[in-house]
C-alpha atoms as a PDB file:
ATOM      1  CA  MET A   1     -15.115  -0.745  -1.438  1.00  0.00           C
ATOM      2  CA  ALA A   2     -13.213   1.378   1.043  1.00  0.00           C
ATOM      3  CA  ALA A   3     -15.108   3.127   3.831  1.00  0.00           C
ATOM      4  CA  ALA A   4     -14.312   6.617   5.115  1.00  0.00           C
ATOM      5  CA  THR A   5     -14.956   8.079   8.561  1.00  0.00           C
ATOM      6  CA  THR A   6     -14.048  11.478   9.964  1.00  0.00           C
ATOM      7  CA  ASP A   7     -12.853  12.654  13.397  1.00  0.00           C
ATOM      8  CA  TYR A   8     -12.294  16.447  13.461  1.00  0.00           C
ATOM      9  CA  ASN A   9      -9.563  16.978  10.836  1.00  0.00           C
ATOM     10  CA  MET A  10      -8.529  13.330  10.701  1.00  0.00           C
ATOM     11  CA  ALA A  11     -10.009  11.326   7.875  1.00  0.00           C
ATOM     12  CA  LYS A  12      -9.854   7.536   7.973  1.00  0.00           C
ATOM     13  CA  TYR A  13      -9.991   5.397   4.840  1.00  0.00           C
ATOM     14  CA  GLU A  14     -10.166   1.603   5.035  1.00  0.00           C
ATOM     15  CA  SER A  15      -9.908  -0.966   2.303  1.00  0.00           C
ATOM     16  CA  GLY A  16     -12.154  -3.945   2.147  1.00  0.00           C
ATOM     17  CA  ILE A  17     -10.777  -7.184   3.559  1.00  0.00           C
ATOM     18  CA  LYS A  18      -8.660  -8.897   0.905  1.00  0.00           C
ATOM     19  CA  MET A  19      -8.000 -12.628   0.854  1.00  0.00           C
ATOM     20  CA  ILE A  20      -4.496 -13.957   0.146  1.00  0.00           C
ATOM     21  CA  PRO A  21      -4.977 -17.703  -0.353  1.00  0.00           C
ATOM     22  CA  GLN A  22      -1.475 -18.278  -1.760  1.00  0.00           C
ATOM     23  CA  ALA A  23       0.494 -17.179   1.346  1.00  0.00           C
ATOM     24  CA  THR A  24       0.456 -17.463   5.117  1.00  0.00           C
ATOM     25  CA  ALA A  25       0.127 -14.474   7.439  1.00  0.00           C
ATOM     26  CA  GLU A  26       3.769 -15.058   8.425  1.00  0.00           C
ATOM     27  CA  GLN A  27       4.955 -14.858   4.790  1.00  0.00           C
ATOM     28  CA  VAL A  28       2.962 -11.678   4.172  1.00  0.00           C
ATOM     29  CA  TYR A  29       4.196 -10.038   7.381  1.00  0.00           C
ATOM     30  CA  ARG A  30       7.807 -10.996   6.658  1.00  0.00           C
ATOM     31  CA  ALA A  31       7.648  -9.215   3.286  1.00  0.00           C
ATOM     32  CA  LEU A  32       5.772  -6.149   4.543  1.00  0.00           C
ATOM     33  CA  GLY A  33       8.044  -5.821   7.572  1.00  0.00           C
ATOM     34  CA  ASN A  34      11.167  -5.595   5.372  1.00  0.00           C
ATOM     35  CA  LEU A  35      10.475  -3.371   2.383  1.00  0.00           C
ATOM     36  CA  GLU A  36      13.727  -4.412   0.685  1.00  0.00           C
ATOM     37  CA  THR A  37      11.959  -7.666  -0.241  1.00  0.00           C
ATOM     38  CA  PHE A  38       9.982  -5.699  -2.836  1.00  0.00           C
ATOM     39  CA  ARG A  39      13.086  -4.601  -4.759  1.00  0.00           C
ATOM     40  CA  PRO A  40      13.067  -7.586  -7.212  1.00  0.00           C
ATOM     41  CA  ILE A  41       9.395  -6.948  -7.978  1.00  0.00           C
ATOM     42  CA  LEU A  42      10.044  -3.272  -8.684  1.00  0.00           C
ATOM     43  CA  ASP A  43      13.133  -4.035 -10.754  1.00  0.00           C
ATOM     44  CA  ASN A  44      11.349  -6.621 -12.897  1.00  0.00           C
ATOM     45  CA  ALA A  45       7.844  -5.123 -13.193  1.00  0.00           C
ATOM     46  CA  ALA A  46       8.559  -3.119 -16.353  1.00  0.00           C
ATOM     47  CA  ASN A  47       9.603  -6.320 -18.167  1.00  0.00           C
ATOM     48  CA  ASN A  48       6.774  -8.498 -16.887  1.00  0.00           C
ATOM     49  CA  PRO A  49       4.036  -9.081 -19.512  1.00  0.00           C
ATOM     50  CA  MET A  50       1.515 -10.129 -16.827  1.00  0.00           C
ATOM     51  CA  VAL A  51       1.991  -6.800 -15.011  1.00  0.00           C
ATOM     52  CA  LYS A  52       1.509  -4.908 -18.280  1.00  0.00           C
ATOM     53  CA  GLN A  53      -1.655  -6.888 -19.019  1.00  0.00           C
ATOM     54  CA  LYS A  54      -3.079  -6.181 -15.558  1.00  0.00           C
ATOM     55  CA  LEU A  55      -2.417  -2.457 -16.005  1.00  0.00           C
ATOM     56  CA  GLU A  56      -4.136  -2.446 -19.384  1.00  0.00           C
ATOM     57  CA  GLU A  57      -7.120  -4.302 -17.911  1.00  0.00           C
ATOM     58  CA  ALA A  58      -7.309  -1.642 -15.194  1.00  0.00           C
ATOM     59  CA  GLY A  59      -7.271   1.105 -17.833  1.00  0.00           C
ATOM     60  CA  GLN A  60      -3.747   2.214 -16.902  1.00  0.00           C
ATOM     61  CA  ASP A  61      -0.906   3.020 -19.272  1.00  0.00           C
ATOM     62  CA  PRO A  62       1.834   0.336 -19.044  1.00  0.00           C
ATOM     63  CA  ALA A  63       4.368   3.068 -19.845  1.00  0.00           C
ATOM     64  CA  ASN A  64       3.840   4.204 -16.243  1.00  0.00           C
ATOM     65  CA  LEU A  65       5.940   1.210 -15.159  1.00  0.00           C
ATOM     66  CA  GLU A  66       9.026   3.276 -15.939  1.00  0.00           C
ATOM     67  CA  LYS A  67       8.084   5.452 -12.931  1.00  0.00           C
ATOM     68  CA  LEU A  68       8.859   2.496 -10.664  1.00  0.00           C
ATOM     69  CA  LYS A  69      12.540   3.331 -11.121  1.00  0.00           C
ATOM     70  CA  ASP A  70      11.921   6.500  -9.075  1.00  0.00           C
ATOM     71  CA  ILE A  71      10.873   4.518  -5.981  1.00  0.00           C
ATOM     72  CA  GLU A  72      13.482   4.324  -3.233  1.00  0.00           C
ATOM     73  CA  LEU A  73      13.433   1.410  -0.781  1.00  0.00           C
ATOM     74  CA  THR A  74      15.174   0.671   2.482  1.00  0.00           C
ATOM     75  CA  ASN A  75      14.340  -1.973   5.054  1.00  0.00           C
ATOM     76  CA  ASP A  76      12.192   0.563   6.936  1.00  0.00           C
ATOM     77  CA  SER A  77      10.972   3.057   4.331  1.00  0.00           C
ATOM     78  CA  ILE A  78       9.634   3.615   0.852  1.00  0.00           C
ATOM     79  CA  ALA A  79       9.846   6.946  -0.973  1.00  0.00           C
ATOM     80  CA  PHE A  80       8.088   7.747  -4.225  1.00  0.00           C
ATOM     81  CA  PRO A  81       7.252  10.824  -6.289  1.00  0.00           C
ATOM     82  CA  VAL A  82       3.789  12.322  -5.828  1.00  0.00           C
ATOM     83  CA  PRO A  83       2.416  15.029  -8.145  1.00  0.00           C
ATOM     84  CA  MET A  84       2.303  18.504  -6.559  1.00  0.00           C
ATOM     85  CA  ILE A  85       3.938  17.214  -3.355  1.00  0.00           C
ATOM     86  CA  GLY A  86       7.301  15.997  -4.549  1.00  0.00           C
ATOM     87  CA  LYS A  87       8.717  12.943  -2.841  1.00  0.00           C
ATOM     88  CA  LEU A  88       6.596  11.204  -0.202  1.00  0.00           C
ATOM     89  CA  THR A  89       8.304   8.894   2.272  1.00  0.00           C
ATOM     90  CA  LEU A  90       6.494   6.293   4.357  1.00  0.00           C
ATOM     91  CA  GLN A  91       8.559   5.157   7.331  1.00  0.00           C
ATOM     92  CA  ILE A  92       7.779   1.998   9.315  1.00  0.00           C
ATOM     93  CA  VAL A  93       7.150   3.112  12.891  1.00  0.00           C
ATOM     94  CA  GLU A  94       5.834  -0.115  14.413  1.00  0.00           C
ATOM     95  CA  ARG A  95       5.801  -3.813  13.658  1.00  0.00           C
ATOM     96  CA  GLU A  96       3.530  -6.298  15.418  1.00  0.00           C
ATOM     97  CA  GLU A  97       4.856  -9.681  14.383  1.00  0.00           C
ATOM     98  CA  ASN A  98       2.607 -11.575  11.973  1.00  0.00           C
ATOM     99  CA  LYS A  99      -0.217  -9.047  12.514  1.00  0.00           C
ATOM    100  CA  CYS A 100       0.470  -5.454  11.540  1.00  0.00           C
ATOM    101  CA  VAL A 101       2.963  -3.012  10.032  1.00  0.00           C
ATOM    102  CA  LYS A 102       2.401   0.700  10.730  1.00  0.00           C
ATOM    103  CA  PHE A 103       3.820   3.521   8.630  1.00  0.00           C
ATOM    104  CA  GLN A 104       4.006   7.264   9.120  1.00  0.00           C
ATOM    105  CA  ALA A 105       4.452   9.894   6.420  1.00  0.00           C
ATOM    106  CA  ALA A 106       7.813  11.634   6.810  1.00  0.00           C
ATOM    107  CA  ASP A 107       8.608  15.105   5.456  1.00  0.00           C
ATOM    108  CA  ALA A 108       5.051  15.363   4.155  1.00  0.00           C
ATOM    109  CA  PRO A 109       2.818  18.433   3.995  1.00  0.00           C
ATOM    110  CA  LEU A 110       0.239  16.596   6.114  1.00  0.00           C
ATOM    111  CA  ASP A 111       0.160  14.210   9.040  1.00  0.00           C
ATOM    112  CA  ALA A 112      -0.688  10.712   7.811  1.00  0.00           C
ATOM    113  CA  ASN A 113      -0.425   7.128   9.041  1.00  0.00           C
ATOM    114  CA  LEU A 114      -0.955   3.918   7.130  1.00  0.00           C
ATOM    115  CA  TRP A 115      -1.220   0.472   8.600  1.00  0.00           C
ATOM    116  CA  ILE A 116      -1.531  -2.925   7.036  1.00  0.00           C
ATOM    117  CA  GLN A 117      -3.195  -5.605   9.124  1.00  0.00           C
ATOM    118  CA  VAL A 118      -2.641  -9.263   8.315  1.00  0.00           C
ATOM    119  CA  LEU A 119      -4.427 -12.230   9.880  1.00  0.00           C
ATOM    120  CA  PRO A 120      -4.353 -15.966   9.193  1.00  0.00           C
ATOM    121  CA  VAL A 121      -7.472 -17.705   7.933  1.00  0.00           C
ATOM    122  CA  SER A 122      -8.495 -21.151   9.134  1.00  0.00           C
ATOM    123  CA  ALA A 123      -8.545 -22.640   5.619  1.00  0.00           C
ATOM    124  CA  GLY A 124      -4.931 -21.564   5.077  1.00  0.00           C
ATOM    125  CA  GLY A 125      -3.665 -18.366   3.596  1.00  0.00           C
ATOM    126  CA  ALA A 126      -4.228 -14.933   5.067  1.00  0.00           C
ATOM    127  CA  LYS A 127      -6.440 -11.891   4.896  1.00  0.00           C
ATOM    128  CA  MET A 128      -5.397  -8.259   4.804  1.00  0.00           C
ATOM    129  CA  LYS A 129      -6.809  -4.788   5.380  1.00  0.00           C
ATOM    130  CA  VAL A 130      -5.164  -1.414   4.660  1.00  0.00           C
ATOM    131  CA  THR A 131      -6.082   1.715   6.644  1.00  0.00           C
ATOM    132  CA  LEU A 132      -5.010   5.296   6.018  1.00  0.00           C
ATOM    133  CA  LYS A 133      -5.561   8.056   8.539  1.00  0.00           C
ATOM    134  CA  ALA A 134      -4.671  11.572   7.375  1.00  0.00           C
ATOM    135  CA  GLU A 135      -5.144  15.073   8.710  1.00  0.00           C
ATOM    136  CA  LEU A 136      -7.094  16.877   6.003  1.00  0.00           C
ATOM    137  CA  ASN A 137      -9.015  20.129   6.127  1.00  0.00           C
ATOM    138  CA  MET A 138     -12.552  20.182   4.725  1.00  0.00           C
ATOM    139  CA  MET A 139     -11.446  21.446   1.311  1.00  0.00           C
ATOM    140  CA  MET A 140      -8.796  18.721   0.973  1.00  0.00           C
ATOM    141  CA  LYS A 141     -11.312  16.066   2.011  1.00  0.00           C
ATOM    142  CA  MET A 142     -13.657  17.262  -0.723  1.00  0.00           C
ATOM    143  CA  MET A 143     -10.873  17.452  -3.319  1.00  0.00           C
ATOM    144  CA  ILE A 144      -8.976  14.214  -2.690  1.00  0.00           C
ATOM    145  CA  GLY A 145     -11.047  12.155  -0.236  1.00  0.00           C
ATOM    146  CA  SER A 146     -12.603   9.920  -2.883  1.00  0.00           C
ATOM    147  CA  LYS A 147      -9.212   9.396  -4.562  1.00  0.00           C
ATOM    148  CA  LEU A 148      -7.667   8.386  -1.232  1.00  0.00           C
ATOM    149  CA  GLU A 149     -10.573   6.011  -0.627  1.00  0.00           C
ATOM    150  CA  GLN A 150     -10.070   4.376  -4.028  1.00  0.00           C
ATOM    151  CA  GLY A 151      -6.289   4.382  -3.641  1.00  0.00           C
ATOM    152  CA  VAL A 152      -6.384   2.537  -0.323  1.00  0.00           C
ATOM    153  CA  ASP A 153      -8.602  -0.164  -1.797  1.00  0.00           C
ATOM    154  CA  LYS A 154      -6.428  -0.475  -4.936  1.00  0.00           C
ATOM    155  CA  MET A 155      -3.326  -0.700  -2.762  1.00  0.00           C
ATOM    156  CA  ALA A 156      -4.894  -3.559  -0.804  1.00  0.00           C
ATOM    157  CA  ASP A 157      -5.891  -5.297  -4.059  1.00  0.00           C
ATOM    158  CA  MET A 158      -2.332  -4.995  -5.375  1.00  0.00           C
ATOM    159  CA  LEU A 159      -0.767  -6.191  -2.105  1.00  0.00           C
ATOM    160  CA  ALA A 160      -3.109  -9.197  -2.052  1.00  0.00           C
ATOM    161  CA  THR A 161      -1.808 -10.385  -5.444  1.00  0.00           C
ATOM    162  CA  LEU A 162       1.925 -10.344  -4.676  1.00  0.00           C
ATOM    163  CA  PRO A 163       3.867 -13.656  -4.681  1.00  0.00           C
ATOM    164  CA  TYR A 164       4.661 -13.669  -0.929  1.00  0.00           C
ATOM    165  CA  GLN A 165       5.542 -17.361  -0.899  1.00  0.00           C
ATOM    166  CA  MET A 166       8.433 -16.549  -3.287  1.00  0.00           C
ATOM    167  CA  MET A 167       9.747 -13.535  -1.398  1.00  0.00           C
END
């Protein structure tokens, strides 16, 4: 499960370490470092029965897949609708080849950074960890802290299941 730590108004949420046995660290980094590589997955997710099954197993409504059409991708950014905020854009601000991709929230009501660390494993494959650091006041931490903690871990779970070797 994700762990949270606090430093003044900055809250840090970390996923657990996720194993990706089907892809190398280089394959994972190559996809994460160029967000356009996710376009075919987004375009085809609504028609993929396996994706629908996974959502149902997770207690999610497969009809939510239609919302994927609202996601905007470029090589360096991803923008998606967020309730009560509007559109949230994550912009890649740093790439460390085959190790890490760092994002920063752009045009957001709060200061937030997200980074995805990728490392090779000796048996082949890779492992990954997602970290979110956001400036939240005490009330916001109480209201959404646990949701951010869960969201970071779910994001890492989802990223660990992608077909990187085919991207």
